[in-house]
Amino acid sequence: MSFNLQVGDLEPSMALTVEDSSGPVDLSTTLSVNLQWLKPDGTLVTVPLTVVNAALGLVKKDWVAGDTSIAGTHAGRIEVTESNGEVAT
């Protein structure tokens, strides 16, 4: 997936669908959904994602000041912590 922003942009939010090989993942019983985010300067951060529609696996990242201050290609993966404590990426 590709998502384009300019340095300093805070809109639009990044909308994502959490999927596995069977399609969208039902997030109804998850404890947390996080984005492990690698910035172009090598900084790795973990930030919470907001669940928009748990049944459909829809989440979003609302940008805050500083999030988009570094130009370049950013990479990330979603980390889901299930109610039993298991973590899936």
Protein backbone atom coordinates (compact mmCIF):
# COMPACT_ATOMS: atom_id res chain seq x y z
CA MET A 1 0.00 0.00 0.00
CA SER A 2 1.14 3.51 -0.75
CA PHE A 3 0.10 6.71 1.02
CA ASN A 4 1.36 10.14 -0.01
CA LEU A 5 1.73 13.23 2.20
CA GLN A 6 3.84 16.35 2.00
CA VAL A 7 6.17 17.34 4.83
CA GLY A 8 4.05 18.97 7.55
CA ASP A 9 0.68 17.64 6.34
CA LEU A 10 -1.71 16.49 9.07
CA GLU A 11 -4.60 15.60 6.73
CA PRO A 12 -5.91 13.29 5.54
CA SER A 13 -5.81 10.58 8.17
CA MET A 14 -4.34 7.28 6.98
CA ALA A 15 -7.13 4.69 6.67
CA LEU A 16 -6.17 1.00 6.62
CA THR A 17 -7.89 -2.37 6.53
CA VAL A 18 -6.30 -5.10 8.66
CA GLU A 19 -6.32 -8.27 6.55
CA ASP A 20 -4.96 -11.78 6.56
CA SER A 21 -5.05 -14.40 3.80
CA SER A 22 -8.82 -14.82 4.34
CA GLY A 23 -9.66 -11.11 4.05
CA PRO A 24 -10.49 -8.43 6.64
CA VAL A 25 -9.73 -9.33 10.27
CA ASP A 26 -12.49 -8.88 12.85
CA LEU A 27 -10.93 -6.70 15.55
CA SER A 28 -13.87 -6.94 17.96
CA THR A 29 -11.95 -8.88 20.62
CA THR A 30 -8.51 -7.30 20.23
CA LEU A 31 -6.79 -5.45 23.06
CA SER A 32 -4.85 -3.07 20.80
CA VAL A 33 -3.92 -2.29 17.22
CA ASN A 34 -0.62 -0.48 16.70
CA LEU A 35 1.48 0.74 13.80
CA GLN A 36 5.17 -0.12 14.01
CA TRP A 37 6.54 2.70 11.92
CA LEU A 38 10.04 3.04 10.47
CA LYS A 39 10.88 6.63 9.55
CA PRO A 40 13.43 7.53 6.85
CA ASP A 41 15.99 8.56 9.51
CA GLY A 42 15.92 5.01 10.96
CA THR A 43 13.72 5.86 13.95
CA LEU A 44 11.30 3.04 14.81
CA VAL A 45 8.19 4.07 16.73
CA THR A 46 5.06 2.24 17.79
CA VAL A 47 1.86 4.30 17.70
CA PRO A 48 -1.73 3.29 18.44
CA LEU A 49 -4.26 3.10 15.63
CA THR A 50 -7.91 4.03 16.10
CA VAL A 51 -10.40 1.26 15.31
CA VAL A 52 -13.06 2.72 13.03
CA ASN A 53 -15.07 -0.46 12.35
CA ALA A 54 -13.92 -3.53 14.28
CA ALA A 55 -16.01 -6.07 12.36
CA LEU A 56 -14.56 -4.91 9.02
CA GLY A 57 -10.98 -4.49 10.29
CA LEU A 58 -10.94 -0.75 9.57
CA VAL A 59 -8.41 1.40 11.44
CA LYS A 60 -6.92 4.87 11.02
CA LYS A 61 -3.91 6.95 12.01
CA ASP A 62 -4.57 10.60 12.76
CA TRP A 63 -1.39 12.61 12.20
CA VAL A 64 -0.08 14.91 14.93
CA ALA A 65 2.58 17.61 14.82
CA GLY A 66 5.98 16.05 14.10
CA ASP A 67 4.62 12.87 12.48
CA THR A 68 5.21 14.16 8.96
CA SER A 69 8.28 16.32 9.53
CA ILE A 70 10.77 13.99 7.78
CA ALA A 71 10.73 13.69 3.99
CA GLY A 72 11.25 10.30 2.39
CA THR A 73 9.79 6.82 2.30
CA HIS A 74 8.29 5.59 5.55
CA ALA A 75 7.53 1.90 6.17
CA GLY A 76 5.28 0.21 8.67
CA ARG A 77 3.43 -2.86 9.76
CA ILE A 78 0.33 -3.36 11.83
CA GLU A 79 0.58 -5.21 15.14
CA VAL A 80 -2.62 -6.65 16.63
CA THR A 81 -2.70 -7.82 20.26
CA GLU A 82 -5.48 -10.34 20.75
CA SER A 83 -7.53 -10.69 23.95
CA ASN A 84 -5.49 -13.79 24.88
CA GLY A 85 -2.25 -11.78 24.67
CA GLU A 86 -1.07 -13.22 21.35
CA VAL A 87 0.47 -10.71 18.97
CA ALA A 88 0.00 -10.92 15.20
CA THR A 89 1.70 -8.76 12.56
